[in-house]
Amino acid sequence: AHRIAEQGVGRTFQNLALFPNLTVIDNVCIGGHTQSG
């Protein structure tokens, strides 16, 4: 499962899986880390 995003499969969730105490840009950056190595 932890390699799926690296292969090119992204997803959202019915129940939000965000980090509520982080900022918007920090949450989006977390998605980018899957490709930054």
Full PDB file with SEQRES, HELIX, SHEET, SSBOND, CRYST1, ORIGX, SCALE, CONECT and MASTER records, all heavy atoms in Angstrom:
SEQRES   1 A   37  ALA HIS ARG ILE ALA GLU GLN GLY VAL GLY ARG THR PHE          
SEQRES   2 A   37  GLN ASN LEU ALA LEU PHE PRO ASN LEU THR VAL ILE ASP          
SEQRES   3 A   37  ASN VAL CYS ILE GLY GLY HIS THR GLN SER GLY                  
HELIX    1 AA1 ILE A    4  GLN A    7  1                                   4    
HELIX    2 AA2 VAL A   24  SER A   36  1                                  13    
CRYST1    1.000    1.000    1.000  90.00  90.00  90.00 P 1           1          
ORIGX1      1.000000  0.000000  0.000000        0.00000                         
ORIGX2      0.000000  1.000000  0.000000        0.00000                         
ORIGX3      0.000000  0.000000  1.000000        0.00000                         
SCALE1      1.000000  0.000000  0.000000        0.00000                         
SCALE2      0.000000  1.000000  0.000000        0.00000                         
SCALE3      0.000000  0.000000  1.000000        0.00000                         
ATOM      1  N   ALA A   1       0.813  -1.214   0.000  1.00  0.00           N  
ATOM      2  CA  ALA A   1       0.000   0.000   0.000  1.00  0.00           C  
ATOM      3  C   ALA A   1       0.847   1.265   0.000  1.00  0.00           C  
ATOM      4  O   ALA A   1       0.507   2.251  -0.659  1.00  0.00           O  
ATOM      5  CB  ALA A   1      -0.934  -0.010   1.209  1.00  0.00           C  
ATOM      6  N   HIS A   2       1.989   1.257   0.727  1.00  0.00           N  
ATOM      7  CA  HIS A   2       2.772   2.488   0.841  1.00  0.00           C  
ATOM      8  C   HIS A   2       3.546   2.812  -0.433  1.00  0.00           C  
ATOM      9  O   HIS A   2       4.161   3.872  -0.516  1.00  0.00           O  
ATOM     10  CB  HIS A   2       3.728   2.411   2.038  1.00  0.00           C  
ATOM     11  CG  HIS A   2       4.816   1.385   1.904  1.00  0.00           C  
ATOM     12  ND1 HIS A   2       4.623   0.048   2.217  1.00  0.00           N  
ATOM     13  CD2 HIS A   2       6.108   1.491   1.481  1.00  0.00           C  
ATOM     14  CE1 HIS A   2       5.751  -0.612   2.011  1.00  0.00           C  
ATOM     15  NE2 HIS A   2       6.660   0.232   1.567  1.00  0.00           N  
ATOM     16  N   ARG A   3       3.506   1.927  -1.425  1.00  0.00           N  
ATOM     17  CA  ARG A   3       4.173   2.193  -2.695  1.00  0.00           C  
ATOM     18  C   ARG A   3       3.207   2.579  -3.817  1.00  0.00           C  
ATOM     19  O   ARG A   3       3.640   2.907  -4.923  1.00  0.00           O  
ATOM     20  CB  ARG A   3       4.961   0.947  -3.147  1.00  0.00           C  
ATOM     21  CG  ARG A   3       6.102   0.561  -2.237  1.00  0.00           C  
ATOM     22  CD  ARG A   3       7.216   1.575  -2.297  1.00  0.00           C  
ATOM     23  NE  ARG A   3       8.377   1.172  -1.522  1.00  0.00           N  
ATOM     24  CZ  ARG A   3       9.398   1.966  -1.246  1.00  0.00           C  
ATOM     25  NH1 ARG A   3       9.391   3.211  -1.691  1.00  0.00           N  
ATOM     26  NH2 ARG A   3      10.409   1.530  -0.529  1.00  0.00           N  
ATOM     27  N   ILE A   4       1.921   2.538  -3.549  1.00  0.00           N  
ATOM     28  CA  ILE A   4       0.944   2.747  -4.610  1.00  0.00           C  
ATOM     29  C   ILE A   4       1.008   4.165  -5.170  1.00  0.00           C  
ATOM     30  O   ILE A   4       0.925   4.387  -6.383  1.00  0.00           O  
ATOM     31  CB  ILE A   4      -0.474   2.418  -4.098  1.00  0.00           C  
ATOM     32  CG1 ILE A   4      -0.587   0.919  -3.840  1.00  0.00           C  
ATOM     33  CG2 ILE A   4      -1.529   2.854  -5.100  1.00  0.00           C  
ATOM     34  CD1 ILE A   4      -0.285   0.044  -5.039  1.00  0.00           C  
ATOM     35  N   ALA A   5       1.147   5.168  -4.301  1.00  0.00           N  
ATOM     36  CA  ALA A   5       1.218   6.548  -4.789  1.00  0.00           C  
ATOM     37  C   ALA A   5       2.431   6.741  -5.696  1.00  0.00           C  
ATOM     38  O   ALA A   5       2.359   7.459  -6.698  1.00  0.00           O  
ATOM     39  CB  ALA A   5       1.282   7.519  -3.611  1.00  0.00           C  
ATOM     40  N   GLU A   6       3.551   6.088  -5.365  1.00  0.00           N  
ATOM     41  CA  GLU A   6       4.745   6.188  -6.197  1.00  0.00           C  
ATOM     42  C   GLU A   6       4.501   5.617  -7.590  1.00  0.00           C  
ATOM     43  O   GLU A   6       5.116   6.062  -8.562  1.00  0.00           O  
ATOM     44  CB  GLU A   6       5.913   5.437  -5.552  1.00  0.00           C  
ATOM     45  CG  GLU A   6       6.377   6.027  -4.231  1.00  0.00           C  
ATOM     46  CD  GLU A   6       7.474   5.188  -3.604  1.00  0.00           C  
ATOM     47  OE1 GLU A   6       8.066   4.340  -4.324  1.00  0.00           O  
ATOM     48  OE2 GLU A   6       7.738   5.347  -2.407  1.00  0.00           O  
ATOM     49  N   GLN A   7       3.620   4.614  -7.691  1.00  0.00           N  
ATOM     50  CA  GLN A   7       3.342   3.989  -8.975  1.00  0.00           C  
ATOM     51  C   GLN A   7       2.412   4.823  -9.848  1.00  0.00           C  
ATOM     52  O   GLN A   7       2.242   4.539 -11.028  1.00  0.00           O  
ATOM     53  CB  GLN A   7       2.736   2.590  -8.767  1.00  0.00           C  
ATOM     54  CG  GLN A   7       3.575   1.649  -7.933  1.00  0.00           C  
ATOM     55  CD  GLN A   7       4.983   1.483  -8.460  1.00  0.00           C  
ATOM     56  OE1 GLN A   7       5.199   1.473  -9.670  1.00  0.00           O  
ATOM     57  NE2 GLN A   7       5.946   1.380  -7.564  1.00  0.00           N  
ATOM     58  N   GLY A   8       1.768   5.852  -9.244  1.00  0.00           N  
ATOM     59  CA  GLY A   8       0.913   6.723 -10.046  1.00  0.00           C  
ATOM     60  C   GLY A   8      -0.566   6.609  -9.753  1.00  0.00           C  
ATOM     61  O   GLY A   8      -1.397   6.981 -10.588  1.00  0.00           O  
ATOM     62  N   VAL A   9      -0.917   6.100  -8.561  1.00  0.00           N  
ATOM     63  CA  VAL A   9      -2.319   5.995  -8.166  1.00  0.00           C  
ATOM     64  C   VAL A   9      -2.533   6.905  -6.953  1.00  0.00           C  
ATOM     65  O   VAL A   9      -1.928   6.702  -5.901  1.00  0.00           O  
ATOM     66  CB  VAL A   9      -2.726   4.555  -7.803  1.00  0.00           C  
ATOM     67  CG1 VAL A   9      -4.200   4.505  -7.379  1.00  0.00           C  
ATOM     68  CG2 VAL A   9      -2.475   3.625  -8.983  1.00  0.00           C  
ATOM     69  N   GLY A  10      -3.370   7.935  -7.110  1.00  0.00           N  
ATOM     70  CA  GLY A  10      -3.702   8.834  -6.012  1.00  0.00           C  
ATOM     71  C   GLY A  10      -5.163   8.694  -5.663  1.00  0.00           C  
ATOM     72  O   GLY A  10      -5.973   8.293  -6.497  1.00  0.00           O  
ATOM     73  N   ARG A  11      -5.517   9.038  -4.414  1.00  0.00           N  
ATOM     74  CA  ARG A  11      -6.916   8.895  -4.032  1.00  0.00           C  
ATOM     75  C   ARG A  11      -7.314   9.920  -2.984  1.00  0.00           C  
ATOM     76  O   ARG A  11      -6.480  10.471  -2.265  1.00  0.00           O  
ATOM     77  CB  ARG A  11      -7.221   7.488  -3.514  1.00  0.00           C  
ATOM     78  CG  ARG A  11      -6.695   7.177  -2.127  1.00  0.00           C  
ATOM     79  CD  ARG A  11      -7.289   5.885  -1.581  1.00  0.00           C  
ATOM     80  NE  ARG A  11      -8.711   6.015  -1.263  1.00  0.00           N  
ATOM     81  CZ  ARG A  11      -9.468   5.021  -0.780  1.00  0.00           C  
ATOM     82  NH1 ARG A  11      -8.950   3.818  -0.598  1.00  0.00           N  
ATOM     83  NH2 ARG A  11     -10.741   5.208  -0.510  1.00  0.00           N  
ATOM     84  N   THR A  12      -8.631  10.188  -2.948  1.00  0.00           N  
ATOM     85  CA  THR A  12      -9.243  10.914  -1.852  1.00  0.00           C  
ATOM     86  C   THR A  12     -10.100   9.922  -1.072  1.00  0.00           C  
ATOM     87  O   THR A  12     -10.309   8.783  -1.511  1.00  0.00           O  
ATOM     88  CB  THR A  12     -10.115  12.070  -2.352  1.00  0.00           C  
ATOM     89  OG1 THR A  12     -11.230  11.531  -3.099  1.00  0.00           O  
ATOM     90  CG2 THR A  12      -9.321  13.017  -3.246  1.00  0.00           C  
ATOM     91  N   PHE A  13     -10.608  10.377   0.081  1.00  0.00           N  
ATOM     92  CA  PHE A  13     -11.370   9.486   0.956  1.00  0.00           C  
ATOM     93  C   PHE A  13     -12.741  10.085   1.241  1.00  0.00           C  
ATOM     94  O   PHE A  13     -12.899  11.307   1.324  1.00  0.00           O  
ATOM     95  CB  PHE A  13     -10.631   9.260   2.277  1.00  0.00           C  
ATOM     96  CG  PHE A  13      -9.345   8.490   2.117  1.00  0.00           C  
ATOM     97  CD1 PHE A  13      -8.182   9.146   1.759  1.00  0.00           C  
ATOM     98  CD2 PHE A  13      -9.303   7.129   2.320  1.00  0.00           C  
ATOM     99  CE1 PHE A  13      -6.992   8.453   1.605  1.00  0.00           C  
ATOM    100  CE2 PHE A  13      -8.119   6.414   2.167  1.00  0.00           C  
ATOM    101  CZ  PHE A  13      -6.957   7.083   1.808  1.00  0.00           C  
ATOM    102  N   GLN A  14     -13.722   9.191   1.423  1.00  0.00           N  
ATOM    103  CA  GLN A  14     -15.067   9.654   1.760  1.00  0.00           C  
ATOM    104  C   GLN A  14     -15.042  10.430   3.074  1.00  0.00           C  
ATOM    105  O   GLN A  14     -15.631  11.497   3.203  1.00  0.00           O  
ATOM    106  CB  GLN A  14     -16.013   8.456   1.868  1.00  0.00           C  
ATOM    107  CG  GLN A  14     -17.437   8.844   2.215  1.00  0.00           C  
ATOM    108  CD  GLN A  14     -18.364   7.640   2.278  1.00  0.00           C  
ATOM    109  OE1 GLN A  14     -17.970   6.523   1.963  1.00  0.00           O  
ATOM    110  NE2 GLN A  14     -19.581   7.850   2.701  1.00  0.00           N  
ATOM    111  N   ASN A  15     -14.360   9.879   4.073  1.00  0.00           N  
ATOM    112  CA  ASN A  15     -14.119  10.579   5.329  1.00  0.00           C  
ATOM    113  C   ASN A  15     -12.740  11.218   5.225  1.00  0.00           C  
ATOM    114  O   ASN A  15     -11.744  10.520   5.061  1.00  0.00           O  
ATOM    115  CB  ASN A  15     -14.172   9.607   6.510  1.00  0.00           C  
ATOM    116  CG  ASN A  15     -15.536   8.937   6.634  1.00  0.00           C  
ATOM    117  OD1 ASN A  15     -16.565   9.595   6.545  1.00  0.00           O  
ATOM    118  ND2 ASN A  15     -15.538   7.632   6.801  1.00  0.00           N  
ATOM    119  N   LEU A  16     -12.699  12.532   5.288  1.00  0.00           N  
ATOM    120  CA  LEU A  16     -11.465  13.258   5.033  1.00  0.00           C  
ATOM    121  C   LEU A  16     -10.297  12.704   5.832  1.00  0.00           C  
ATOM    122  O   LEU A  16     -10.408  12.430   7.027  1.00  0.00           O  
ATOM    123  CB  LEU A  16     -11.651  14.738   5.371  1.00  0.00           C  
ATOM    124  CG  LEU A  16     -12.626  15.510   4.478  1.00  0.00           C  
ATOM    125  CD1 LEU A  16     -12.856  16.902   5.039  1.00  0.00           C  
ATOM    126  CD2 LEU A  16     -12.104  15.584   3.056  1.00  0.00           C  
ATOM    127  N   ALA A  17      -9.152  12.536   5.159  1.00  0.00           N  
ATOM    128  CA  ALA A  17      -7.944  12.009   5.795  1.00  0.00           C  
ATOM    129  C   ALA A  17      -6.854  13.065   5.809  1.00  0.00           C  
ATOM    130  O   ALA A  17      -5.701  12.797   5.474  1.00  0.00           O  
ATOM    131  CB  ALA A  17      -7.475  10.747   5.060  1.00  0.00           C  
ATOM    132  N   LEU A  18      -7.230  14.283   6.182  1.00  0.00           N  
ATOM    133  CA  LEU A  18      -6.289  15.391   6.248  1.00  0.00           C  
ATOM    134  C   LEU A  18      -5.692  15.500   7.652  1.00  0.00           C  
ATOM    135  O   LEU A  18      -6.171  14.871   8.593  1.00  0.00           O  
ATOM    136  CB  LEU A  18      -6.986  16.702   5.882  1.00  0.00           C  
ATOM    137  CG  LEU A  18      -7.528  16.794   4.451  1.00  0.00           C  
ATOM    138  CD1 LEU A  18      -8.465  17.993   4.325  1.00  0.00           C  
ATOM    139  CD2 LEU A  18      -6.390  16.900   3.442  1.00  0.00           C  
ATOM    140  N   PHE A  19      -4.654  16.330   7.783  1.00  0.00           N  
ATOM    141  CA  PHE A  19      -4.079  16.649   9.086  1.00  0.00           C  
ATOM    142  C   PHE A  19      -4.688  17.987   9.519  1.00  0.00           C  
ATOM    143  O   PHE A  19      -4.254  19.053   9.060  1.00  0.00           O  
ATOM    144  CB  PHE A  19      -2.562  16.731   8.998  1.00  0.00           C  
ATOM    145  CG  PHE A  19      -1.922  15.409   8.659  1.00  0.00           C  
ATOM    146  CD1 PHE A  19      -1.637  15.062   7.342  1.00  0.00           C  
ATOM    147  CD2 PHE A  19      -1.620  14.500   9.667  1.00  0.00           C  
ATOM    148  CE1 PHE A  19      -1.060  13.846   7.030  1.00  0.00           C  
ATOM    149  CE2 PHE A  19      -1.035  13.265   9.365  1.00  0.00           C  
ATOM    150  CZ  PHE A  19      -0.759  12.944   8.047  1.00  0.00           C  
ATOM    151  N   PRO A  20      -5.694  17.965  10.386  1.00  0.00           N  
ATOM    152  CA  PRO A  20      -6.485  19.170  10.644  1.00  0.00           C  
ATOM    153  C   PRO A  20      -5.702  20.319  11.274  1.00  0.00           C  
ATOM    154  O   PRO A  20      -6.065  21.480  11.098  1.00  0.00           O  
ATOM    155  CB  PRO A  20      -7.593  18.677  11.580  1.00  0.00           C  
ATOM    156  CG  PRO A  20      -7.067  17.412  12.178  1.00  0.00           C  
ATOM    157  CD  PRO A  20      -6.195  16.802  11.131  1.00  0.00           C  
ATOM    158  N   ASN A  21      -4.638  20.026  12.016  1.00  0.00           N  
ATOM    159  CA  ASN A  21      -3.897  21.088  12.684  1.00  0.00           C  
ATOM    160  C   ASN A  21      -2.752  21.647  11.843  1.00  0.00           C  
ATOM    161  O   ASN A  21      -2.042  22.550  12.293  1.00  0.00           O  
ATOM    162  CB  ASN A  21      -3.362  20.591  14.029  1.00  0.00           C  
ATOM    163  CG  ASN A  21      -4.482  20.360  15.031  1.00  0.00           C  
ATOM    164  OD1 ASN A  21      -5.421  21.145  15.102  1.00  0.00           O  
ATOM    165  ND2 ASN A  21      -4.398  19.279  15.779  1.00  0.00           N  
ATOM    166  N   LEU A  22      -2.574  21.103  10.634  1.00  0.00           N  
ATOM    167  CA  LEU A  22      -1.578  21.643   9.708  1.00  0.00           C  
ATOM    168  C   LEU A  22      -2.260  22.596   8.736  1.00  0.00           C  
ATOM    169  O   LEU A  22      -3.469  22.548   8.530  1.00  0.00           O  
ATOM    170  CB  LEU A  22      -0.886  20.516   8.941  1.00  0.00           C  
ATOM    171  CG  LEU A  22      -0.054  19.534   9.763  1.00  0.00           C  
ATOM    172  CD1 LEU A  22       0.619  18.523   8.836  1.00  0.00           C  
ATOM    173  CD2 LEU A  22       0.987  20.248  10.611  1.00  0.00           C  
ATOM    174  N   THR A  23      -1.468  23.448   8.119  1.00  0.00           N  
ATOM    175  CA  THR A  23      -2.013  24.385   7.142  1.00  0.00           C  
ATOM    176  C   THR A  23      -2.347  23.672   5.840  1.00  0.00           C  
ATOM    177  O   THR A  23      -1.943  22.526   5.614  1.00  0.00           O  
ATOM    178  CB  THR A  23      -1.009  25.506   6.852  1.00  0.00           C  
ATOM    179  OG1 THR A  23       0.154  24.928   6.231  1.00  0.00           O  
ATOM    180  CG2 THR A  23      -0.613  26.247   8.108  1.00  0.00           C  
ATOM    181  N   VAL A  24      -3.058  24.386   4.994  1.00  0.00           N  
ATOM    182  CA  VAL A  24      -3.395  23.849   3.674  1.00  0.00           C  
ATOM    183  C   VAL A  24      -2.131  23.475   2.905  1.00  0.00           C  
ATOM    184  O   VAL A  24      -2.010  22.365   2.376  1.00  0.00           O  
ATOM    185  CB  VAL A  24      -4.219  24.874   2.878  1.00  0.00           C  
ATOM    186  CG1 VAL A  24      -4.350  24.450   1.417  1.00  0.00           C  
ATOM    187  CG2 VAL A  24      -5.594  25.059   3.502  1.00  0.00           C  
ATOM    188  N   ILE A  25      -1.157  24.379   2.854  1.00  0.00           N  
ATOM    189  CA  ILE A  25       0.036  24.103   2.054  1.00  0.00           C  
ATOM    190  C   ILE A  25       0.838  22.949   2.635  1.00  0.00           C  
ATOM    191  O   ILE A  25       1.405  22.139   1.885  1.00  0.00           O  
ATOM    192  CB  ILE A  25       0.904  25.366   1.882  1.00  0.00           C  
ATOM    193  CG1 ILE A  25       1.960  25.118   0.787  1.00  0.00           C  
ATOM    194  CG2 ILE A  25       1.539  25.805   3.191  1.00  0.00           C  
ATOM    195  CD1 ILE A  25       2.633  26.383   0.306  1.00  0.00           C  
ATOM    196  N   ASP A  26       0.858  22.812   3.964  1.00  0.00           N  
ATOM    197  CA  ASP A  26       1.573  21.689   4.560  1.00  0.00           C  
ATOM    198  C   ASP A  26       0.898  20.365   4.209  1.00  0.00           C  
ATOM    199  O   ASP A  26       1.570  19.360   3.942  1.00  0.00           O  
ATOM    200  CB  ASP A  26       1.660  21.849   6.074  1.00  0.00           C  
ATOM    201  CG  ASP A  26       2.676  22.904   6.492  1.00  0.00           C  
ATOM    202  OD1 ASP A  26       3.577  23.197   5.684  1.00  0.00           O  
ATOM    203  OD2 ASP A  26       2.560  23.442   7.615  1.00  0.00           O  
ATOM    204  N   ASN A  27      -0.434  20.344   4.206  1.00  0.00           N  
ATOM    205  CA  ASN A  27      -1.146  19.126   3.823  1.00  0.00           C  
ATOM    206  C   ASN A  27      -0.854  18.748   2.373  1.00  0.00           C  
ATOM    207  O   ASN A  27      -0.643  17.584   2.058  1.00  0.00           O  
ATOM    208  CB  ASN A  27      -2.653  19.308   4.023  1.00  0.00           C  
ATOM    209  CG  ASN A  27      -3.133  18.879   5.392  1.00  0.00           C  
ATOM    210  OD1 ASN A  27      -3.383  17.704   5.641  1.00  0.00           O  
ATOM    211  ND2 ASN A  27      -3.238  19.844   6.303  1.00  0.00           N  
ATOM    212  N   VAL A  28      -0.851  19.732   1.481  1.00  0.00           N  
ATOM    213  CA  VAL A  28      -0.594  19.447   0.067  1.00  0.00           C  
ATOM    214  C   VAL A  28       0.854  19.006  -0.134  1.00  0.00           C  
ATOM    215  O   VAL A  28       1.136  18.105  -0.930  1.00  0.00           O  
ATOM    216  CB  VAL A  28      -0.930  20.673  -0.799  1.00  0.00           C  
ATOM    217  CG1 VAL A  28      -0.615  20.397  -2.266  1.00  0.00           C  
ATOM    218  CG2 VAL A  28      -2.403  21.043  -0.642  1.00  0.00           C  
ATOM    219  N   CYS A  29       1.772  19.601   0.608  1.00  0.00           N  
ATOM    220  CA  CYS A  29       3.182  19.201   0.503  1.00  0.00           C  
ATOM    221  C   CYS A  29       3.380  17.746   0.890  1.00  0.00           C  
ATOM    222  O   CYS A  29       4.242  17.061   0.323  1.00  0.00           O  
ATOM    223  CB  CYS A  29       4.050  20.086   1.393  1.00  0.00           C  
ATOM    224  SG  CYS A  29       4.393  21.723   0.728  1.00  0.00           S  
ATOM    225  N   ILE A  30       2.584  17.271   1.851  1.00  0.00           N  
ATOM    226  CA  ILE A  30       2.703  15.867   2.263  1.00  0.00           C  
ATOM    227  C   ILE A  30       2.427  14.945   1.077  1.00  0.00           C  
ATOM    228  O   ILE A  30       3.090  13.921   0.897  1.00  0.00           O  
ATOM    229  CB  ILE A  30       1.749  15.575   3.435  1.00  0.00           C  
ATOM    230  CG1 ILE A  30       2.287  16.243   4.709  1.00  0.00           C  
ATOM    231  CG2 ILE A  30       1.570  14.068   3.648  1.00  0.00           C  
ATOM    232  CD1 ILE A  30       1.314  16.257   5.866  1.00  0.00           C  
ATOM    233  N   GLY A  31       1.458  15.316   0.238  1.00  0.00           N  
ATOM    234  CA  GLY A  31       1.211  14.524  -0.969  1.00  0.00           C  
ATOM    235  C   GLY A  31       2.411  14.517  -1.888  1.00  0.00           C  
ATOM    236  O   GLY A  31       2.774  13.486  -2.464  1.00  0.00           O  
ATOM    237  N   GLY A  32       3.073  15.664  -2.033  1.00  0.00           N  
ATOM    238  CA  GLY A  32       4.235  15.752  -2.901  1.00  0.00           C  
ATOM    239  C   GLY A  32       5.416  14.949  -2.432  1.00  0.00           C  
ATOM    240  O   GLY A  32       6.267  14.542  -3.240  1.00  0.00           O  
ATOM    241  N   HIS A  33       5.495  14.661  -1.119  1.00  0.00           N  
ATOM    242  CA  HIS A  33       6.641  13.911  -0.599  1.00  0.00           C  
ATOM    243  C   HIS A  33       6.693  12.485  -1.115  1.00  0.00           C  
ATOM    244  O   HIS A  33       7.745  11.848  -1.083  1.00  0.00           O  
ATOM    245  CB  HIS A  33       6.626  13.911   0.936  1.00  0.00           C  
ATOM    246  CG  HIS A  33       7.114  15.190   1.543  1.00  0.00           C  
ATOM    247  ND1 HIS A  33       8.262  15.826   1.136  1.00  0.00           N  
ATOM    248  CD2 HIS A  33       6.598  15.966   2.542  1.00  0.00           C  
ATOM    249  CE1 HIS A  33       8.442  16.922   1.842  1.00  0.00           C  
ATOM    250  NE2 HIS A  33       7.431  17.043   2.691  1.00  0.00           N  
ATOM    251  N   THR A  34       5.559  11.956  -1.593  1.00  0.00           N  
ATOM    252  CA  THR A  34       5.577  10.589  -2.129  1.00  0.00           C  
ATOM    253  C   THR A  34       6.425  10.493  -3.382  1.00  0.00           C  
ATOM    254  O   THR A  34       6.869   9.407  -3.755  1.00  0.00           O  
ATOM    255  CB  THR A  34       4.152  10.104  -2.460  1.00  0.00           C  
ATOM    256  OG1 THR A  34       3.591  10.950  -3.485  1.00  0.00           O  
ATOM    257  CG2 THR A  34       3.264  10.138  -1.229  1.00  0.00           C  
ATOM    258  N   GLN A  35       6.639  11.620  -4.058  1.00  0.00           N  
ATOM    259  CA  GLN A  35       7.420  11.612  -5.296  1.00  0.00           C  
ATOM    260  C   GLN A  35       8.812  12.230  -5.123  1.00  0.00           C  
ATOM    261  O   GLN A  35       9.631  12.143  -6.020  1.00  0.00           O  
ATOM    262  CB  GLN A  35       6.676  12.393  -6.386  1.00  0.00           C  
ATOM    263  CG  GLN A  35       5.298  11.864  -6.709  1.00  0.00           C  
ATOM    264  CD  GLN A  35       5.315  10.469  -7.306  1.00  0.00           C  
ATOM    265  OE1 GLN A  35       6.279  10.057  -7.912  1.00  0.00           O  
ATOM    266  NE2 GLN A  35       4.227   9.730  -7.119  1.00  0.00           N  
ATOM    267  N   SER A  36       9.081  12.836  -3.950  1.00  0.00           N  
ATOM    268  CA  SER A  36      10.341  13.561  -3.801  1.00  0.00           C  
ATOM    269  C   SER A  36      11.481  12.724  -3.261  1.00  0.00           C  
ATOM    270  O   SER A  36      12.631  13.142  -3.298  1.00  0.00           O  
ATOM    271  CB  SER A  36      10.127  14.775  -2.883  1.00  0.00           C  
ATOM    272  OG  SER A  36       9.796  14.349  -1.568  1.00  0.00           O  
ATOM    273  N   GLY A  37      11.154  11.528  -2.731  1.00  0.00           N  
ATOM    274  CA  GLY A  37      12.212  10.658  -2.236  1.00  0.00           C  
ATOM    275  C   GLY A  37      12.987  11.249  -1.075  1.00  0.00           C  
ATOM    276  O   GLY A  37      14.220  11.241  -1.063  1.00  0.00           O  
TER     277      GLY A  37                                                      
MASTER        0    0    0    2    0    0    0    6  276    1    0    3          
END                                                                             
